[in-house]
Every structure is written in structure tokens, then in C-alpha cells.
Amino acid sequence: MIAHKDARSSSLEIIEIEVESTGIIDLRDSSALAKLGIDLADAVAPWQDIATSGGTPSSWTVRDQLIEAGANGLIDPSRKRPGLSHLVLFRWNEGDGPSVRVVGA
């Protein structure tokens, strides 16, 4: 994650995880966003400076809207690498939320 390179650990590793979930909103799907009244620009807007100064970034408001609508997470298009995306879970391995487990050792 290029936006977070200053906060990275010097030791990075890639792990494989298995996720089982429903209620994932795909931010690349304009019709899904329209149904929920979400503007993609709000979801992908820069947030770090706003949060650092004590404000509430628009992407956090989008997250709150999605949780209110019953979503468990979202698929977020990469801001720095077009064509790539990220899975963001709001919670996992608790109650009726998504199930996440590390695959292999």
C-alpha cells in the first residue's frame, strides 16, 4: 500500500488467507453504489490528513453507511494501481460476520 509506506514494518511477508462472507459491496459496481446512495469519489477520497487533523474523512462516512445497510465489507479499487482491488472487512471471526483463516503454515 503505497499510501502507507512510511508506517510499514521493515519485515514484510505475504500470507494466503481464506475468507467466507456475504454482504460485500463492490465499489467498482456503479449500480450497487447508486442503490445505496454512495458516491465513489467519497469512498476513495484521501483521508489521512483529514483524520490527522481531527476530521471525519468521507470514506469513513461511506463505511458507516455500508455498515448501516448491513454490509460486512467492501471491494475497494486501488488508487495507485488501476485494475487492482482490495478486500476490506469491517469485522471478522465474530458473531455472524465473515470467517477468515490463514491457509497453510
PDB file of N, CA and C in Angstrom:
ATOM      1  N   MET A   1       0.844  -1.173   0.000  1.00  0.00           N
ATOM      2  CA  MET A   1       0.000   0.000   0.000  1.00  0.00           C
ATOM      3  C   MET A   1       0.891   1.238   0.000  1.00  0.00           C
ATOM      4  N   ILE A   2       0.975   1.841  -1.126  1.00  0.00           N
ATOM      5  CA  ILE A   2       1.866   2.975  -1.315  1.00  0.00           C
ATOM      6  C   ILE A   2       1.536   4.120  -0.361  1.00  0.00           C
ATOM      7  N   ALA A   3       0.265   4.357  -0.096  1.00  0.00           N
ATOM      8  CA  ALA A   3      -0.135   5.467   0.762  1.00  0.00           C
ATOM      9  C   ALA A   3       0.346   5.296   2.194  1.00  0.00           C
ATOM     10  N   HIS A   4       0.677   4.075   2.591  1.00  0.00           N
ATOM     11  CA  HIS A   4       1.056   3.805   3.968  1.00  0.00           C
ATOM     12  C   HIS A   4       2.519   3.392   4.095  1.00  0.00           C
ATOM     13  N   LYS A   5       3.357   3.723   3.112  1.00  0.00           N
ATOM     14  CA  LYS A   5       4.728   3.219   3.095  1.00  0.00           C
ATOM     15  C   LYS A   5       5.550   3.705   4.279  1.00  0.00           C
ATOM     16  N   ASP A   6       5.258   4.867   4.847  1.00  0.00           N
ATOM     17  CA  ASP A   6       6.019   5.360   5.988  1.00  0.00           C
ATOM     18  C   ASP A   6       5.714   4.595   7.270  1.00  0.00           C
ATOM     19  N   ALA A   7       4.558   3.945   7.332  1.00  0.00           N
ATOM     20  CA  ALA A   7       4.155   3.237   8.535  1.00  0.00           C
ATOM     21  C   ALA A   7       4.418   1.734   8.434  1.00  0.00           C
ATOM     22  N   ARG A   8       5.058   1.299   7.370  1.00  0.00           N
ATOM     23  CA  ARG A   8       5.291  -0.127   7.150  1.00  0.00           C
ATOM     24  C   ARG A   8       6.365  -0.676   8.076  1.00  0.00           C
ATOM     25  N   SER A   9       6.187  -1.929   8.402  1.00  0.00           N
ATOM     26  CA  SER A   9       7.213  -2.676   9.113  1.00  0.00           C
ATOM     27  C   SER A   9       8.351  -2.935   8.135  1.00  0.00           C
ATOM     28  N   SER A  10       9.558  -3.047   8.655  1.00  0.00           N
ATOM     29  CA  SER A  10      10.686  -3.358   7.773  1.00  0.00           C
ATOM     30  C   SER A  10      10.639  -4.813   7.329  1.00  0.00           C
ATOM     31  N   SER A  11       9.876  -5.634   8.032  1.00  0.00           N
ATOM     32  CA  SER A  11       9.750  -7.053   7.703  1.00  0.00           C
ATOM     33  C   SER A  11       8.361  -7.308   7.122  1.00  0.00           C
ATOM     34  N   LEU A  12       8.303  -7.542   5.807  1.00  0.00           N
ATOM     35  CA  LEU A  12       7.037  -7.793   5.142  1.00  0.00           C
ATOM     36  C   LEU A  12       6.948  -9.255   4.724  1.00  0.00           C
ATOM     37  N   GLU A  13       5.760  -9.808   4.770  1.00  0.00           N
ATOM     38  CA  GLU A  13       5.555 -11.156   4.272  1.00  0.00           C
ATOM     39  C   GLU A  13       4.173 -11.256   3.664  1.00  0.00           C
ATOM     40  N   ILE A  14       4.023 -12.175   2.746  1.00  0.00           N
ATOM     41  CA  ILE A  14       2.742 -12.416   2.102  1.00  0.00           C
ATOM     42  C   ILE A  14       2.182 -13.703   2.671  1.00  0.00           C
ATOM     43  N   ILE A  15       0.928 -13.647   3.087  1.00  0.00           N
ATOM     44  CA  ILE A  15       0.263 -14.839   3.593  1.00  0.00           C
ATOM     45  C   ILE A  15      -1.013 -15.058   2.795  1.00  0.00           C
ATOM     46  N   GLU A  16      -1.400 -16.311   2.687  1.00  0.00           N
ATOM     47  CA  GLU A  16      -2.638 -16.648   1.997  1.00  0.00           C
ATOM     48  C   GLU A  16      -3.732 -16.812   3.041  1.00  0.00           C
ATOM     49  N   ILE A  17      -4.864 -16.164   2.794  1.00  0.00           N
ATOM     50  CA  ILE A  17      -5.997 -16.301   3.712  1.00  0.00           C
ATOM     51  C   ILE A  17      -7.228 -16.755   2.935  1.00  0.00           C
ATOM     52  N   GLU A  18      -8.115 -17.402   3.627  1.00  0.00           N
ATOM     53  CA  GLU A  18      -9.396 -17.821   3.058  1.00  0.00           C
ATOM     54  C   GLU A  18     -10.486 -17.021   3.756  1.00  0.00           C
ATOM     55  N   VAL A  19     -11.352 -16.421   2.977  1.00  0.00           N
ATOM     56  CA  VAL A  19     -12.426 -15.592   3.510  1.00  0.00           C
ATOM     57  C   VAL A  19     -13.760 -16.143   3.031  1.00  0.00           C
ATOM     58  N   GLU A  20     -14.689 -16.326   3.954  1.00  0.00           N
ATOM     59  CA  GLU A  20     -16.066 -16.681   3.613  1.00  0.00           C
ATOM     60  C   GLU A  20     -16.945 -15.565   4.140  1.00  0.00           C
ATOM     61  N   SER A  21     -17.714 -14.980   3.229  1.00  0.00           N
ATOM     62  CA  SER A  21     -18.546 -13.856   3.645  1.00  0.00           C
ATOM     63  C   SER A  21     -19.670 -13.601   2.659  1.00  0.00           C
ATOM     64  N   THR A  22     -20.686 -12.970   3.154  1.00  0.00           N
ATOM     65  CA  THR A  22     -21.734 -12.382   2.335  1.00  0.00           C
ATOM     66  C   THR A  22     -21.751 -10.902   2.684  1.00  0.00           C
ATOM     67  N   GLY A  23     -22.498 -10.138   1.925  1.00  0.00           N
ATOM     68  CA  GLY A  23     -22.643  -8.721   2.251  1.00  0.00           C
ATOM     69  C   GLY A  23     -21.416  -7.886   1.936  1.00  0.00           C
ATOM     70  N   ILE A  24     -20.706  -8.254   0.874  1.00  0.00           N
ATOM     71  CA  ILE A  24     -19.553  -7.468   0.446  1.00  0.00           C
ATOM     72  C   ILE A  24     -20.008  -6.553  -0.689  1.00  0.00           C
ATOM     73  N   ILE A  25     -19.816  -5.262  -0.524  1.00  0.00           N
ATOM     74  CA  ILE A  25     -20.207  -4.281  -1.537  1.00  0.00           C
ATOM     75  C   ILE A  25     -19.009  -3.990  -2.431  1.00  0.00           C
ATOM     76  N   ASP A  26     -19.211  -4.110  -3.722  1.00  0.00           N
ATOM     77  CA  ASP A  26     -18.147  -3.891  -4.692  1.00  0.00           C
ATOM     78  C   ASP A  26     -18.190  -2.429  -5.147  1.00  0.00           C
ATOM     79  N   LEU A  27     -17.225  -1.642  -4.702  1.00  0.00           N
ATOM     80  CA  LEU A  27     -17.202  -0.223  -5.063  1.00  0.00           C
ATOM     81  C   LEU A  27     -16.945   0.004  -6.546  1.00  0.00           C
ATOM     82  N   ARG A  28     -16.601  -1.043  -7.280  1.00  0.00           N
ATOM     83  CA  ARG A  28     -16.420  -0.931  -8.728  1.00  0.00           C
ATOM     84  C   ARG A  28     -17.748  -1.060  -9.460  1.00  0.00           C
ATOM     85  N   ASP A  29     -18.821  -1.393  -8.738  1.00  0.00           N
ATOM     86  CA  ASP A  29     -20.150  -1.615  -9.321  1.00  0.00           C
ATOM     87  C   ASP A  29     -20.995  -0.360  -9.136  1.00  0.00           C
ATOM     88  N   SER A  30     -21.074   0.458 -10.197  1.00  0.00           N
ATOM     89  CA  SER A  30     -21.774   1.739 -10.090  1.00  0.00           C
ATOM     90  C   SER A  30     -23.255   1.578  -9.762  1.00  0.00           C
ATOM     91  N   SER A  31     -23.891   0.501 -10.223  1.00  0.00           N
ATOM     92  CA  SER A  31     -25.309   0.317  -9.918  1.00  0.00           C
ATOM     93  C   SER A  31     -25.515  -0.019  -8.442  1.00  0.00           C
ATOM     94  N   ALA A  32     -24.613  -0.785  -7.856  1.00  0.00           N
ATOM     95  CA  ALA A  32     -24.709  -1.090  -6.418  1.00  0.00           C
ATOM     96  C   ALA A  32     -24.533   0.187  -5.598  1.00  0.00           C
ATOM     97  N   LEU A  33     -23.590   1.028  -6.011  1.00  0.00           N
ATOM     98  CA  LEU A  33     -23.370   2.287  -5.297  1.00  0.00           C
ATOM     99  C   LEU A  33     -24.579   3.202  -5.415  1.00  0.00           C
ATOM    100  N   ALA A  34     -25.162   3.256  -6.606  1.00  0.00           N
ATOM    101  CA  ALA A  34     -26.340   4.106  -6.815  1.00  0.00           C
ATOM    102  C   ALA A  34     -27.496   3.660  -5.925  1.00  0.00           C
ATOM    103  N   LYS A  35     -27.704   2.342  -5.815  1.00  0.00           N
ATOM    104  CA  LYS A  35     -28.777   1.821  -4.961  1.00  0.00           C
ATOM    105  C   LYS A  35     -28.589   2.219  -3.507  1.00  0.00           C
ATOM    106  N   LEU A  36     -27.334   2.333  -3.085  1.00  0.00           N
ATOM    107  CA  LEU A  36     -27.035   2.678  -1.694  1.00  0.00           C
ATOM    108  C   LEU A  36     -26.847   4.179  -1.490  1.00  0.00           C
ATOM    109  N   GLY A  37     -26.891   4.944  -2.575  1.00  0.00           N
ATOM    110  CA  GLY A  37     -26.720   6.400  -2.469  1.00  0.00           C
ATOM    111  C   GLY A  37     -25.293   6.800  -2.135  1.00  0.00           C
ATOM    112  N   ILE A  38     -24.318   6.032  -2.633  1.00  0.00           N
ATOM    113  CA  ILE A  38     -22.913   6.303  -2.330  1.00  0.00           C
ATOM    114  C   ILE A  38     -22.217   6.825  -3.575  1.00  0.00           C
ATOM    115  N   ASP A  39     -21.442   7.878  -3.395  1.00  0.00           N
ATOM    116  CA  ASP A  39     -20.638   8.458  -4.463  1.00  0.00           C
ATOM    117  C   ASP A  39     -19.233   7.863  -4.352  1.00  0.00           C
ATOM    118  N   LEU A  40     -18.751   7.232  -5.422  1.00  0.00           N
ATOM    119  CA  LEU A  40     -17.429   6.603  -5.397  1.00  0.00           C
ATOM    120  C   LEU A  40     -16.345   7.600  -4.990  1.00  0.00           C
ATOM    121  N   ALA A  41     -16.470   8.849  -5.406  1.00  0.00           N
ATOM    122  CA  ALA A  41     -15.470   9.861  -5.051  1.00  0.00           C
ATOM    123  C   ALA A  41     -15.339  10.005  -3.535  1.00  0.00           C
ATOM    124  N   ASP A  42     -16.451   9.883  -2.814  1.00  0.00           N
ATOM    125  CA  ASP A  42     -16.401   9.950  -1.348  1.00  0.00           C
ATOM    126  C   ASP A  42     -15.683   8.742  -0.762  1.00  0.00           C
ATOM    127  N   ALA A  43     -15.880   7.591  -1.390  1.00  0.00           N
ATOM    128  CA  ALA A  43     -15.283   6.351  -0.881  1.00  0.00           C
ATOM    129  C   ALA A  43     -13.776   6.302  -1.094  1.00  0.00           C
ATOM    130  N   VAL A  44     -13.287   6.905  -2.161  1.00  0.00           N
ATOM    131  CA  VAL A  44     -11.865   6.802  -2.489  1.00  0.00           C
ATOM    132  C   VAL A  44     -11.084   8.091  -2.223  1.00  0.00           C
ATOM    133  N   ALA A  45     -11.702   9.056  -1.594  1.00  0.00           N
ATOM    134  CA  ALA A  45     -11.039  10.332  -1.320  1.00  0.00           C
ATOM    135  C   ALA A  45      -9.893  10.148  -0.317  1.00  0.00           C
ATOM    136  N   PRO A  46      -8.836  10.944  -0.444  1.00  0.00           N
ATOM    137  CA  PRO A  46      -7.748  10.898   0.541  1.00  0.00           C
ATOM    138  C   PRO A  46      -8.296  11.132   1.944  1.00  0.00           C
ATOM    139  N   TRP A  47      -7.741  10.439   2.917  1.00  0.00           N
ATOM    140  CA  TRP A  47      -8.314  10.513   4.264  1.00  0.00           C
ATOM    141  C   TRP A  47      -7.289  10.811   5.356  1.00  0.00           C
ATOM    142  N   GLN A  48      -6.024  10.535   5.119  1.00  0.00           N
ATOM    143  CA  GLN A  48      -5.038  10.599   6.197  1.00  0.00           C
ATOM    144  C   GLN A  48      -4.903  11.993   6.807  1.00  0.00           C
ATOM    145  N   ASP A  49      -4.776  13.032   5.994  1.00  0.00           N
ATOM    146  CA  ASP A  49      -4.620  14.389   6.525  1.00  0.00           C
ATOM    147  C   ASP A  49      -5.864  14.828   7.290  1.00  0.00           C
ATOM    148  N   ILE A  50      -7.040  14.456   6.785  1.00  0.00           N
ATOM    149  CA  ILE A  50      -8.290  14.822   7.469  1.00  0.00           C
ATOM    150  C   ILE A  50      -8.357  14.154   8.835  1.00  0.00           C
ATOM    151  N   ALA A  51      -8.047  12.868   8.898  1.00  0.00           N
ATOM    152  CA  ALA A  51      -8.079  12.141  10.172  1.00  0.00           C
ATOM    153  C   ALA A  51      -7.036  12.688  11.134  1.00  0.00           C
ATOM    154  N   THR A  52      -5.847  13.000  10.634  1.00  0.00           N
ATOM    155  CA  THR A  52      -4.778  13.526  11.481  1.00  0.00           C
ATOM    156  C   THR A  52      -5.175  14.858  12.109  1.00  0.00           C
ATOM    157  N   SER A  53      -5.929  15.663  11.359  1.00  0.00           N
ATOM    158  CA  SER A  53      -6.344  16.967  11.882  1.00  0.00           C
ATOM    159  C   SER A  53      -7.629  16.897  12.700  1.00  0.00           C
ATOM    160  N   GLY A  54      -8.125  15.671  12.951  1.00  0.00           N
ATOM    161  CA  GLY A  54      -9.296  15.514  13.814  1.00  0.00           C
ATOM    162  C   GLY A  54     -10.622  15.482  13.077  1.00  0.00           C
ATOM    163  N   GLY A  55     -10.598  15.522  11.766  1.00  0.00           N
ATOM    164  CA  GLY A  55     -11.832  15.498  10.991  1.00  0.00           C
ATOM    165  C   GLY A  55     -12.310  14.079  10.710  1.00  0.00           C
ATOM    166  N   THR A  56     -13.461  13.988  10.085  1.00  0.00           N
ATOM    167  CA  THR A  56     -14.014  12.693   9.687  1.00  0.00           C
ATOM    168  C   THR A  56     -13.969  12.599   8.172  1.00  0.00           C
ATOM    169  N   PRO A  57     -13.077  11.756   7.649  1.00  0.00           N
ATOM    170  CA  PRO A  57     -12.966  11.604   6.197  1.00  0.00           C
ATOM    171  C   PRO A  57     -14.255  11.060   5.581  1.00  0.00           C
ATOM    172  N   SER A  58     -14.519  11.441   4.346  1.00  0.00           N
ATOM    173  CA  SER A  58     -15.737  10.977   3.670  1.00  0.00           C
ATOM    174  C   SER A  58     -15.751   9.458   3.528  1.00  0.00           C
ATOM    175  N   SER A  59     -14.585   8.835   3.397  1.00  0.00           N
ATOM    176  CA  SER A  59     -14.556   7.372   3.270  1.00  0.00           C
ATOM    177  C   SER A  59     -15.028   6.700   4.554  1.00  0.00           C
ATOM    178  N   TRP A  60     -14.809   7.329   5.682  1.00  0.00           N
ATOM    179  CA  TRP A  60     -15.298   6.766   6.954  1.00  0.00           C
ATOM    180  C   TRP A  60     -16.814   6.871   7.029  1.00  0.00           C
ATOM    181  N   THR A  61     -17.362   7.947   6.484  1.00  0.00           N
ATOM    182  CA  THR A  61     -18.813   8.106   6.430  1.00  0.00           C
ATOM    183  C   THR A  61     -19.416   7.050   5.501  1.00  0.00           C
ATOM    184  N   VAL A  62     -18.737   6.771   4.389  1.00  0.00           N
ATOM    185  CA  VAL A  62     -19.190   5.712   3.483  1.00  0.00           C
ATOM    186  C   VAL A  62     -19.203   4.381   4.213  1.00  0.00           C
ATOM    187  N   ARG A  63     -18.139   4.084   4.950  1.00  0.00           N
ATOM    188  CA  ARG A  63     -18.091   2.841   5.738  1.00  0.00           C
ATOM    189  C   ARG A  63     -19.288   2.764   6.678  1.00  0.00           C
ATOM    190  N   ASP A  64     -19.583   3.837   7.372  1.00  0.00           N
ATOM    191  CA  ASP A  64     -20.719   3.850   8.296  1.00  0.00           C
ATOM    192  C   ASP A  64     -22.033   3.591   7.561  1.00  0.00           C
ATOM    193  N   GLN A  65     -22.193   4.178   6.368  1.00  0.00           N
ATOM    194  CA  GLN A  65     -23.399   3.941   5.564  1.00  0.00           C
ATOM    195  C   GLN A  65     -23.512   2.471   5.183  1.00  0.00           C
ATOM    196  N   LEU A  66     -22.399   1.875   4.786  1.00  0.00           N
ATOM    197  CA  LEU A  66     -22.409   0.467   4.383  1.00  0.00           C
ATOM    198  C   LEU A  66     -22.731  -0.451   5.555  1.00  0.00           C
ATOM    199  N   ILE A  67     -22.164  -0.175   6.704  1.00  0.00           N
ATOM    200  CA  ILE A  67     -22.466  -0.975   7.902  1.00  0.00           C
ATOM    201  C   ILE A  67     -23.945  -0.861   8.239  1.00  0.00           C
ATOM    202  N   GLU A  68     -24.474   0.358   8.164  1.00  0.00           N
ATOM    203  CA  GLU A  68     -25.899   0.582   8.429  1.00  0.00           C
ATOM    204  C   GLU A  68     -26.781  -0.204   7.464  1.00  0.00           C
ATOM    205  N   ALA A  69     -26.290  -0.376   6.227  1.00  0.00           N
ATOM    206  CA  ALA A  69     -27.049  -1.121   5.211  1.00  0.00           C
ATOM    207  C   ALA A  69     -26.861  -2.632   5.350  1.00  0.00           C
ATOM    208  N   GLY A  70     -26.049  -3.066   6.322  1.00  0.00           N
ATOM    209  CA  GLY A  70     -25.852  -4.488   6.572  1.00  0.00           C
ATOM    210  C   GLY A  70     -24.640  -5.101   5.899  1.00  0.00           C
ATOM    211  N   ALA A  71     -23.783  -4.282   5.336  1.00  0.00           N
ATOM    212  CA  ALA A  71     -22.589  -4.805   4.660  1.00  0.00           C
ATOM    213  C   ALA A  71     -21.558  -5.295   5.671  1.00  0.00           C
ATOM    214  N   ASN A  72     -20.822  -6.323   5.275  1.00  0.00           N
ATOM    215  CA  ASN A  72     -19.718  -6.848   6.083  1.00  0.00           C
ATOM    216  C   ASN A  72     -18.361  -6.334   5.621  1.00  0.00           C
ATOM    217  N   GLY A  73     -18.337  -5.718   4.449  1.00  0.00           N
ATOM    218  CA  GLY A  73     -17.079  -5.217   3.920  1.00  0.00           C
ATOM    219  C   GLY A  73     -17.266  -4.685   2.521  1.00  0.00           C
ATOM    220  N   LEU A  74     -16.143  -4.407   1.877  1.00  0.00           N
ATOM    221  CA  LEU A  74     -16.207  -3.850   0.533  1.00  0.00           C
ATOM    222  C   LEU A  74     -15.006  -4.282  -0.292  1.00  0.00           C
ATOM    223  N   ILE A  75     -15.182  -4.194  -1.595  1.00  0.00           N
ATOM    224  CA  ILE A  75     -14.074  -4.348  -2.523  1.00  0.00           C
ATOM    225  C   ILE A  75     -13.741  -2.939  -2.987  1.00  0.00           C
ATOM    226  N   ASP A  76     -12.507  -2.547  -2.722  1.00  0.00           N
ATOM    227  CA  ASP A  76     -12.049  -1.184  -2.920  1.00  0.00           C
ATOM    228  C   ASP A  76     -11.075  -1.140  -4.095  1.00  0.00           C
ATOM    229  N   PRO A  77     -11.358  -0.348  -5.133  1.00  0.00           N
ATOM    230  CA  PRO A  77     -10.405  -0.263  -6.243  1.00  0.00           C
ATOM    231  C   PRO A  77      -9.124   0.432  -5.783  1.00  0.00           C
ATOM    232  N   SER A  78      -7.987  -0.069  -6.248  1.00  0.00           N
ATOM    233  CA  SER A  78      -6.704   0.532  -5.894  1.00  0.00           C
ATOM    234  C   SER A  78      -6.623   1.943  -6.453  1.00  0.00           C
ATOM    235  N   ARG A  79      -6.167   2.859  -5.635  1.00  0.00           N
ATOM    236  CA  ARG A  79      -5.998   4.242  -6.079  1.00  0.00           C
ATOM    237  C   ARG A  79      -4.691   4.411  -6.854  1.00  0.00           C
ATOM    238  N   LYS A  80      -3.703   3.587  -6.546  1.00  0.00           N
ATOM    239  CA  LYS A  80      -2.372   3.726  -7.139  1.00  0.00           C
ATOM    240  C   LYS A  80      -2.098   2.744  -8.267  1.00  0.00           C
ATOM    241  N   ARG A  81      -2.835   1.630  -8.298  1.00  0.00           N
ATOM    242  CA  ARG A  81      -2.592   0.588  -9.304  1.00  0.00           C
ATOM    243  C   ARG A  81      -3.906   0.224  -9.980  1.00  0.00           C
ATOM    244  N   PRO A  82      -4.321   0.978 -11.001  1.00  0.00           N
ATOM    245  CA  PRO A  82      -5.577   0.689 -11.690  1.00  0.00           C
ATOM    246  C   PRO A  82      -5.657  -0.779 -12.115  1.00  0.00           C
ATOM    247  N   GLY A  83      -6.843  -1.337 -11.925  1.00  0.00           N
ATOM    248  CA  GLY A  83      -7.057  -2.736 -12.257  1.00  0.00           C
ATOM    249  C   GLY A  83      -6.915  -3.665 -11.057  1.00  0.00           C
ATOM    250  N   LEU A  84      -6.275  -3.197  -9.997  1.00  0.00           N
ATOM    251  CA  LEU A  84      -6.164  -3.988  -8.773  1.00  0.00           C
ATOM    252  C   LEU A  84      -7.223  -3.525  -7.781  1.00  0.00           C
ATOM    253  N   SER A  85      -7.533  -4.364  -6.822  1.00  0.00           N
ATOM    254  CA  SER A  85      -8.517  -4.002  -5.798  1.00  0.00           C
ATOM    255  C   SER A  85      -8.133  -4.654  -4.484  1.00  0.00           C
ATOM    256  N   HIS A  86      -8.803  -4.230  -3.418  1.00  0.00           N
ATOM    257  CA  HIS A  86      -8.533  -4.713  -2.065  1.00  0.00           C
ATOM    258  C   HIS A  86      -9.849  -5.147  -1.437  1.00  0.00           C
ATOM    259  N   LEU A  87      -9.796  -6.199  -0.662  1.00  0.00           N
ATOM    260  CA  LEU A  87     -10.944  -6.596   0.147  1.00  0.00           C
ATOM    261  C   LEU A  87     -10.785  -5.947   1.514  1.00  0.00           C
ATOM    262  N   VAL A  88     -11.801  -5.224   1.943  1.00  0.00           N
ATOM    263  CA  VAL A  88     -11.805  -4.584   3.251  1.00  0.00           C
ATOM    264  C   VAL A  88     -12.956  -5.184   4.047  1.00  0.00           C
ATOM    265  N   LEU A  89     -12.647  -5.785   5.188  1.00  0.00           N
ATOM    266  CA  LEU A  89     -13.686  -6.328   6.060  1.00  0.00           C
ATOM    267  C   LEU A  89     -13.856  -5.399   7.250  1.00  0.00           C
ATOM    268  N   PHE A  90     -15.102  -5.159   7.635  1.00  0.00           N
ATOM    269  CA  PHE A  90     -15.380  -4.283   8.762  1.00  0.00           C
ATOM    270  C   PHE A  90     -15.194  -5.012  10.093  1.00  0.00           C
ATOM    271  N   ARG A  91     -15.347  -6.332  10.071  1.00  0.00           N
ATOM    272  CA  ARG A  91     -15.115  -7.192  11.237  1.00  0.00           C
ATOM    273  C   ARG A  91     -14.976  -8.607  10.718  1.00  0.00           C
ATOM    274  N   TRP A  92     -14.408  -9.490  11.531  1.00  0.00           N
ATOM    275  CA  TRP A  92     -14.275 -10.883  11.104  1.00  0.00           C
ATOM    276  C   TRP A  92     -14.092 -11.772  12.328  1.00  0.00           C
ATOM    277  N   ASN A  93     -14.427 -13.036  12.108  1.00  0.00           N
ATOM    278  CA  ASN A  93     -14.307 -14.076  13.139  1.00  0.00           C
ATOM    279  C   ASN A  93     -15.015 -13.716  14.446  1.00  0.00           C
ATOM    280  N   GLU A  94     -16.168 -13.093  14.305  1.00  0.00           N
ATOM    281  CA  GLU A  94     -17.002 -12.808  15.478  1.00  0.00           C
ATOM    282  C   GLU A  94     -18.459 -12.860  15.060  1.00  0.00           C
ATOM    283  N   GLY A  95     -19.280 -13.418  15.921  1.00  0.00           N
ATOM    284  CA  GLY A  95     -20.711 -13.494  15.648  1.00  0.00           C
ATOM    285  C   GLY A  95     -21.012 -14.054  14.278  1.00  0.00           C
ATOM    286  N   ASP A  96     -21.917 -13.373  13.564  1.00  0.00           N
ATOM    287  CA  ASP A  96     -22.306 -13.835  12.231  1.00  0.00           C
ATOM    288  C   ASP A  96     -21.522 -13.124  11.118  1.00  0.00           C
ATOM    289  N   GLY A  97     -20.383 -12.548  11.473  1.00  0.00           N
ATOM    290  CA  GLY A  97     -19.555 -11.838  10.496  1.00  0.00           C
ATOM    291  C   GLY A  97     -18.756 -12.782   9.629  1.00  0.00           C
ATOM    292  N   PRO A  98     -17.958 -12.222   8.747  1.00  0.00           N
ATOM    293  CA  PRO A  98     -17.116 -13.031   7.866  1.00  0.00           C
ATOM    294  C   PRO A  98     -16.170 -13.943   8.645  1.00  0.00           C
ATOM    295  N   SER A  99     -15.836 -15.052   8.008  1.00  0.00           N
ATOM    296  CA  SER A  99     -14.896 -16.010   8.589  1.00  0.00           C
ATOM    297  C   SER A  99     -13.583 -15.882   7.820  1.00  0.00           C
ATOM    298  N   VAL A 100     -12.491 -15.725   8.557  1.00  0.00           N
ATOM    299  CA  VAL A 100     -11.166 -15.566   7.958  1.00  0.00           C
ATOM    300  C   VAL A 100     -10.220 -16.556   8.624  1.00  0.00           C
ATOM    301  N   ARG A 101      -9.429 -17.251   7.784  1.00  0.00           N
ATOM    302  CA  ARG A 101      -8.415 -18.145   8.355  1.00  0.00           C
ATOM    303  C   ARG A 101      -7.182 -18.135   7.471  1.00  0.00           C
ATOM    304  N   VAL A 102      -6.036 -18.293   8.115  1.00  0.00           N
ATOM    305  CA  VAL A 102      -4.773 -18.381   7.396  1.00  0.00           C
ATOM    306  C   VAL A 102      -4.684 -19.767   6.775  1.00  0.00           C
ATOM    307  N   VAL A 103      -4.286 -19.813   5.513  1.00  0.00           N
ATOM    308  CA  VAL A 103      -4.128 -21.084   4.797  1.00  0.00           C
ATOM    309  C   VAL A 103      -2.663 -21.495   4.906  1.00  0.00           C
ATOM    310  N   GLY A 104      -2.416 -22.736   5.246  1.00  0.00           N
ATOM    311  CA  GLY A 104      -1.039 -23.229   5.364  1.00  0.00           C
ATOM    312  C   GLY A 104      -0.403 -22.826   6.665  1.00  0.00           C
ATOM    313  N   ALA A 105       0.918 -22.864   6.673  1.00  0.00           N
ATOM    314  CA  ALA A 105       1.680 -22.611   7.917  1.00  0.00           C
ATOM    315  C   ALA A 105       1.755 -21.146   8.247  1.00  0.00           C
TER     316      ALA A 105
END
